[in-house]
Amino acid sequence: MSGIEELGLVRIDDRLIHGQVVTVWCRHQHFTRILVVDDDVAADSFMQEVLRLAAPPGLIVEAMTLQDAIQEFAQERPDRATTMVLLKSPRVAQALYDGGVTYKALNIGGMGSAPGRKNVFKNIAISNEEIVILKRLLQAGVKITLLTVPGEKSKDFADLAGKL
């Protein structure tokens, strides 16, 4: 198992790199690297280039498959504390954790409305299947916070879990 509690931020945001991530999060915490863990993006060189262009100059942007990310975190890296890990869904967050990447905190910043999802906080909508996954992570000891950008009001998922 690879504990990465020193990681800068593990965030679920189905839009990945966009204005809030670039302008607010990257200013709030001094990130040197954004790691997108997504099998589709890792296989799409055009999308990777779009994400690189959306990031501030000097910021390293990488995309990896889930399996490659699990292998990556099995090894030490000096830039962990300044790395933001971006995921599109709770399913990937759970798979990363189950793969041995035992992060301590998870930020949910953007999960848009879709069939089968209900709005639980601001622009965050979650399906019943995703609620089960997040509750599993919560039981494993992961602190889950719903927060779109630093400085705004946040919600602790543990406070919502019993009502969902």
C-alpha atoms as a PDB file:
ATOM      1  CA  MET A   1       0.000   0.000   0.000  1.00  0.00           C
ATOM      2  CA  SER A   2       1.084   3.466  -0.818  1.00  0.00           C
ATOM      3  CA  GLY A   3      -0.099   6.169   1.573  1.00  0.00           C
ATOM      4  CA  ILE A   4      -0.178   9.529  -0.149  1.00  0.00           C
ATOM      5  CA  GLU A   5      -1.565  11.716   2.597  1.00  0.00           C
ATOM      6  CA  GLU A   6       1.109  14.272   1.756  1.00  0.00           C
ATOM      7  CA  LEU A   7      -0.438  14.744  -1.687  1.00  0.00           C
ATOM      8  CA  GLY A   8      -1.507  18.311  -2.450  1.00  0.00           C
ATOM      9  CA  LEU A   9      -5.096  17.495  -3.444  1.00  0.00           C
ATOM     10  CA  VAL A  10      -7.151  14.558  -4.711  1.00  0.00           C
ATOM     11  CA  ARG A  11     -10.203  16.035  -6.444  1.00  0.00           C
ATOM     12  CA  ILE A  12     -13.208  14.714  -8.334  1.00  0.00           C
ATOM     13  CA  ASP A  13     -14.195  17.167 -11.026  1.00  0.00           C
ATOM     14  CA  ASP A  14     -15.836  15.847 -14.168  1.00  0.00           C
ATOM     15  CA  ARG A  15     -14.597  18.894 -16.110  1.00  0.00           C
ATOM     16  CA  LEU A  16     -10.979  18.161 -15.115  1.00  0.00           C
ATOM     17  CA  ILE A  17      -8.884  21.281 -15.863  1.00  0.00           C
ATOM     18  CA  HIS A  18     -10.987  24.431 -16.234  1.00  0.00           C
ATOM     19  CA  GLY A  19     -11.142  28.010 -14.969  1.00  0.00           C
ATOM     20  CA  GLN A  20     -11.769  27.254 -11.281  1.00  0.00           C
ATOM     21  CA  VAL A  21      -8.981  24.712 -11.137  1.00  0.00           C
ATOM     22  CA  VAL A  22      -6.531  26.979 -12.907  1.00  0.00           C
ATOM     23  CA  THR A  23      -7.335  30.376 -11.425  1.00  0.00           C
ATOM     24  CA  VAL A  24      -8.395  29.540  -7.880  1.00  0.00           C
ATOM     25  CA  TRP A  25      -6.990  26.179  -6.793  1.00  0.00           C
ATOM     26  CA  CYS A  26      -3.581  26.707  -8.394  1.00  0.00           C
ATOM     27  CA  ARG A  27      -3.287  30.088  -6.663  1.00  0.00           C
ATOM     28  CA  HIS A  28      -4.575  28.776  -3.328  1.00  0.00           C
ATOM     29  CA  GLN A  29      -2.067  25.926  -3.198  1.00  0.00           C
ATOM     30  CA  HIS A  30       1.229  26.055  -5.018  1.00  0.00           C
ATOM     31  CA  PHE A  31       0.850  23.119  -7.383  1.00  0.00           C
ATOM     32  CA  THR A  32       3.686  22.197  -9.698  1.00  0.00           C
ATOM     33  CA  ARG A  33       1.900  19.262 -11.288  1.00  0.00           C
ATOM     34  CA  ILE A  34      -1.613  18.154 -12.222  1.00  0.00           C
ATOM     35  CA  LEU A  35      -2.109  14.435 -12.731  1.00  0.00           C
ATOM     36  CA  VAL A  36      -5.306  13.466 -14.540  1.00  0.00           C
ATOM     37  CA  VAL A  37      -6.220   9.840 -13.830  1.00  0.00           C
ATOM     38  CA  ASP A  38      -8.548   8.810 -16.623  1.00  0.00           C
ATOM     39  CA  ASP A  39      -8.218   5.930 -19.082  1.00  0.00           C
ATOM     40  CA  ASP A  40      -9.941   7.820 -21.923  1.00  0.00           C
ATOM     41  CA  VAL A  41      -7.865  10.990 -21.547  1.00  0.00           C
ATOM     42  CA  ALA A  42      -4.661   8.942 -21.245  1.00  0.00           C
ATOM     43  CA  ALA A  43      -5.451   7.384 -24.635  1.00  0.00           C
ATOM     44  CA  ASP A  44      -6.334  10.698 -26.319  1.00  0.00           C
ATOM     45  CA  SER A  45      -3.294  12.819 -27.205  1.00  0.00           C
ATOM     46  CA  PHE A  46      -5.491  15.662 -28.501  1.00  0.00           C
ATOM     47  CA  MET A  47      -7.372  15.918 -25.191  1.00  0.00           C
ATOM     48  CA  GLN A  48      -4.082  15.823 -23.304  1.00  0.00           C
ATOM     49  CA  GLU A  49      -2.860  18.773 -25.362  1.00  0.00           C
ATOM     50  CA  VAL A  50      -6.100  20.681 -24.666  1.00  0.00           C
ATOM     51  CA  LEU A  51      -5.610  20.120 -20.920  1.00  0.00           C
ATOM     52  CA  ARG A  52      -1.971  21.227 -21.118  1.00  0.00           C
ATOM     53  CA  LEU A  53      -3.011  24.416 -22.917  1.00  0.00           C
ATOM     54  CA  ALA A  54      -5.662  25.116 -20.253  1.00  0.00           C
ATOM     55  CA  ALA A  55      -3.069  24.983 -17.469  1.00  0.00           C
ATOM     56  CA  PRO A  56      -0.892  27.912 -16.390  1.00  0.00           C
ATOM     57  CA  PRO A  57       2.597  28.110 -17.922  1.00  0.00           C
ATOM     58  CA  GLY A  58       5.164  26.080 -16.017  1.00  0.00           C
ATOM     59  CA  LEU A  59       2.645  23.648 -14.551  1.00  0.00           C
ATOM     60  CA  ILE A  60       3.308  20.026 -15.486  1.00  0.00           C
ATOM     61  CA  VAL A  61       0.152  18.293 -16.744  1.00  0.00           C
ATOM     62  CA  GLU A  62       0.139  14.526 -17.149  1.00  0.00           C
ATOM     63  CA  ALA A  63      -2.604  12.027 -17.934  1.00  0.00           C
ATOM     64  CA  MET A  64      -2.373   8.406 -16.855  1.00  0.00           C
ATOM     65  CA  THR A  65      -4.548   5.353 -16.940  1.00  0.00           C
ATOM     66  CA  LEU A  66      -5.806   4.112 -13.605  1.00  0.00           C
ATOM     67  CA  GLN A  67      -3.315   1.217 -13.641  1.00  0.00           C
ATOM     68  CA  ASP A  68      -0.391   3.491 -14.517  1.00  0.00           C
ATOM     69  CA  ALA A  69      -1.353   5.871 -11.708  1.00  0.00           C
ATOM     70  CA  ILE A  70      -1.452   3.008  -9.201  1.00  0.00           C
ATOM     71  CA  GLN A  71       2.058   2.005 -10.302  1.00  0.00           C
ATOM     72  CA  GLU A  72       3.196   5.643 -10.185  1.00  0.00           C
ATOM     73  CA  PHE A  73       2.094   6.028  -6.571  1.00  0.00           C
ATOM     74  CA  ALA A  74       3.848   2.824  -5.565  1.00  0.00           C
ATOM     75  CA  GLN A  75       7.089   4.774  -6.022  1.00  0.00           C
ATOM     76  CA  GLU A  76       8.383   7.801  -4.163  1.00  0.00           C
ATOM     77  CA  ARG A  77       8.286  11.223  -5.824  1.00  0.00           C
ATOM     78  CA  PRO A  78       9.574  14.483  -4.392  1.00  0.00           C
ATOM     79  CA  ASP A  79       6.685  16.552  -5.831  1.00  0.00           C
ATOM     80  CA  ARG A  80       3.772  14.738  -4.154  1.00  0.00           C
ATOM     81  CA  ALA A  81       2.886  17.650  -1.864  1.00  0.00           C
ATOM     82  CA  THR A  82       2.542  19.943  -4.867  1.00  0.00           C
ATOM     83  CA  THR A  83       0.566  17.522  -7.050  1.00  0.00           C
ATOM     84  CA  MET A  84      -3.155  17.841  -7.726  1.00  0.00           C
ATOM     85  CA  VAL A  85      -4.756  14.548  -8.761  1.00  0.00           C
ATOM     86  CA  LEU A  86      -7.893  15.041 -10.865  1.00  0.00           C
ATOM     87  CA  LEU A  87     -10.471  12.292 -11.321  1.00  0.00           C
ATOM     88  CA  LYS A  88     -13.791  12.350 -13.162  1.00  0.00           C
ATOM     89  CA  SER A  89     -15.787  10.106 -10.843  1.00  0.00           C
ATOM     90  CA  PRO A  90     -16.121   8.393  -7.469  1.00  0.00           C
ATOM     91  CA  ARG A  91     -15.677   5.069  -9.278  1.00  0.00           C
ATOM     92  CA  VAL A  92     -12.115   6.040 -10.236  1.00  0.00           C
ATOM     93  CA  ALA A  93     -11.484   7.390  -6.723  1.00  0.00           C
ATOM     94  CA  GLN A  94     -12.520   4.032  -5.247  1.00  0.00           C
ATOM     95  CA  ALA A  95     -10.478   2.040  -7.784  1.00  0.00           C
ATOM     96  CA  LEU A  96      -7.392   4.155  -7.045  1.00  0.00           C
ATOM     97  CA  TYR A  97      -7.866   3.568  -3.314  1.00  0.00           C
ATOM     98  CA  ASP A  98      -8.508  -0.158  -3.810  1.00  0.00           C
ATOM     99  CA  GLY A  99      -5.339  -0.289  -5.904  1.00  0.00           C
ATOM    100  CA  GLY A 100      -3.311   0.667  -2.859  1.00  0.00           C
ATOM    101  CA  VAL A 101      -3.224   4.453  -3.155  1.00  0.00           C
ATOM    102  CA  THR A 102      -4.521   5.219   0.331  1.00  0.00           C
ATOM    103  CA  TYR A 103      -5.133   8.954   0.240  1.00  0.00           C
ATOM    104  CA  LYS A 104      -6.552  10.548   3.407  1.00  0.00           C
ATOM    105  CA  ALA A 105      -8.744  13.270   1.904  1.00  0.00           C
ATOM    106  CA  LEU A 106     -10.928  13.638  -1.176  1.00  0.00           C
ATOM    107  CA  ASN A 107     -12.370  16.878  -2.520  1.00  0.00           C
ATOM    108  CA  ILE A 108     -15.504  16.748  -4.649  1.00  0.00           C
ATOM    109  CA  GLY A 109     -15.623  19.896  -6.711  1.00  0.00           C
ATOM    110  CA  GLY A 110     -17.796  19.259  -9.706  1.00  0.00           C
ATOM    111  CA  MET A 111     -20.145  16.459 -10.633  1.00  0.00           C
ATOM    112  CA  GLY A 112     -22.757  17.727 -13.026  1.00  0.00           C
ATOM    113  CA  SER A 113     -26.401  16.774 -13.287  1.00  0.00           C
ATOM    114  CA  ALA A 114     -27.188  13.650 -15.259  1.00  0.00           C
ATOM    115  CA  PRO A 115     -29.973  11.083 -15.391  1.00  0.00           C
ATOM    116  CA  GLY A 116     -30.043   9.167 -12.114  1.00  0.00           C
ATOM    117  CA  ARG A 117     -28.154  11.841 -10.182  1.00  0.00           C
ATOM    118  CA  LYS A 118     -29.606  14.126  -7.531  1.00  0.00           C
ATOM    119  CA  ASN A 119     -28.205  17.474  -6.520  1.00  0.00           C
ATOM    120  CA  VAL A 120     -26.687  17.320  -3.036  1.00  0.00           C
ATOM    121  CA  PHE A 121     -24.688  20.558  -2.783  1.00  0.00           C
ATOM    122  CA  LYS A 122     -24.213  23.492  -5.160  1.00  0.00           C
ATOM    123  CA  ASN A 123     -23.152  22.077  -8.565  1.00  0.00           C
ATOM    124  CA  ILE A 124     -22.573  18.577  -7.192  1.00  0.00           C
ATOM    125  CA  ALA A 125     -25.019  15.852  -8.186  1.00  0.00           C
ATOM    126  CA  ILE A 126     -24.519  12.234  -7.141  1.00  0.00           C
ATOM    127  CA  SER A 127     -26.180   8.957  -8.157  1.00  0.00           C
ATOM    128  CA  ASN A 128     -27.150   6.218  -5.712  1.00  0.00           C
ATOM    129  CA  GLU A 129     -24.252   4.072  -6.954  1.00  0.00           C
ATOM    130  CA  GLU A 130     -21.829   6.961  -6.361  1.00  0.00           C
ATOM    131  CA  ILE A 131     -23.252   7.511  -2.869  1.00  0.00           C
ATOM    132  CA  VAL A 132     -22.479   3.866  -2.029  1.00  0.00           C
ATOM    133  CA  ILE A 133     -18.912   4.285  -3.326  1.00  0.00           C
ATOM    134  CA  LEU A 134     -18.355   7.497  -1.356  1.00  0.00           C
ATOM    135  CA  LYS A 135     -19.755   5.920   1.812  1.00  0.00           C
ATOM    136  CA  ARG A 136     -17.275   3.052   1.349  1.00  0.00           C
ATOM    137  CA  LEU A 137     -14.397   5.526   1.117  1.00  0.00           C
ATOM    138  CA  LEU A 138     -15.727   7.350   4.169  1.00  0.00           C
ATOM    139  CA  GLN A 139     -15.804   4.078   6.131  1.00  0.00           C
ATOM    140  CA  ALA A 140     -12.206   3.440   5.054  1.00  0.00           C
ATOM    141  CA  GLY A 141     -11.237   6.687   6.783  1.00  0.00           C
ATOM    142  CA  VAL A 142     -11.124   9.098   3.839  1.00  0.00           C
ATOM    143  CA  LYS A 143     -12.309  12.605   4.733  1.00  0.00           C
ATOM    144  CA  ILE A 144     -14.595  13.721   1.908  1.00  0.00           C
ATOM    145  CA  THR A 145     -15.342  17.399   1.440  1.00  0.00           C
ATOM    146  CA  LEU A 146     -17.679  18.977  -1.091  1.00  0.00           C
ATOM    147  CA  LEU A 147     -16.053  22.259  -2.108  1.00  0.00           C
ATOM    148  CA  THR A 148     -15.944  23.903  -5.508  1.00  0.00           C
ATOM    149  CA  VAL A 149     -13.284  26.520  -4.720  1.00  0.00           C
ATOM    150  CA  PRO A 150     -11.271  27.509  -1.636  1.00  0.00           C
ATOM    151  CA  GLY A 151     -12.875  30.224   0.441  1.00  0.00           C
ATOM    152  CA  GLU A 152     -16.440  29.188  -0.349  1.00  0.00           C
ATOM    153  CA  LYS A 153     -18.711  27.297   1.997  1.00  0.00           C
ATOM    154  CA  SER A 154     -17.936  23.588   2.042  1.00  0.00           C
ATOM    155  CA  LYS A 155     -19.902  20.549   3.146  1.00  0.00           C
ATOM    156  CA  ASP A 156     -18.526  17.485   4.878  1.00  0.00           C
ATOM    157  CA  PHE A 157     -19.833  14.364   3.115  1.00  0.00           C
ATOM    158  CA  ALA A 158     -20.061  12.611   6.500  1.00  0.00           C
ATOM    159  CA  ASP A 159     -22.801  15.103   7.455  1.00  0.00           C
ATOM    160  CA  LEU A 160     -24.743  14.249   4.293  1.00  0.00           C
ATOM    161  CA  ALA A 161     -24.138  10.496   4.225  1.00  0.00           C
ATOM    162  CA  GLY A 162     -26.860   9.612   6.727  1.00  0.00           C
ATOM    163  CA  LYS A 163     -29.449  11.603   4.769  1.00  0.00           C
ATOM    164  CA  LEU A 164     -28.642  10.066   1.393  1.00  0.00           C
END
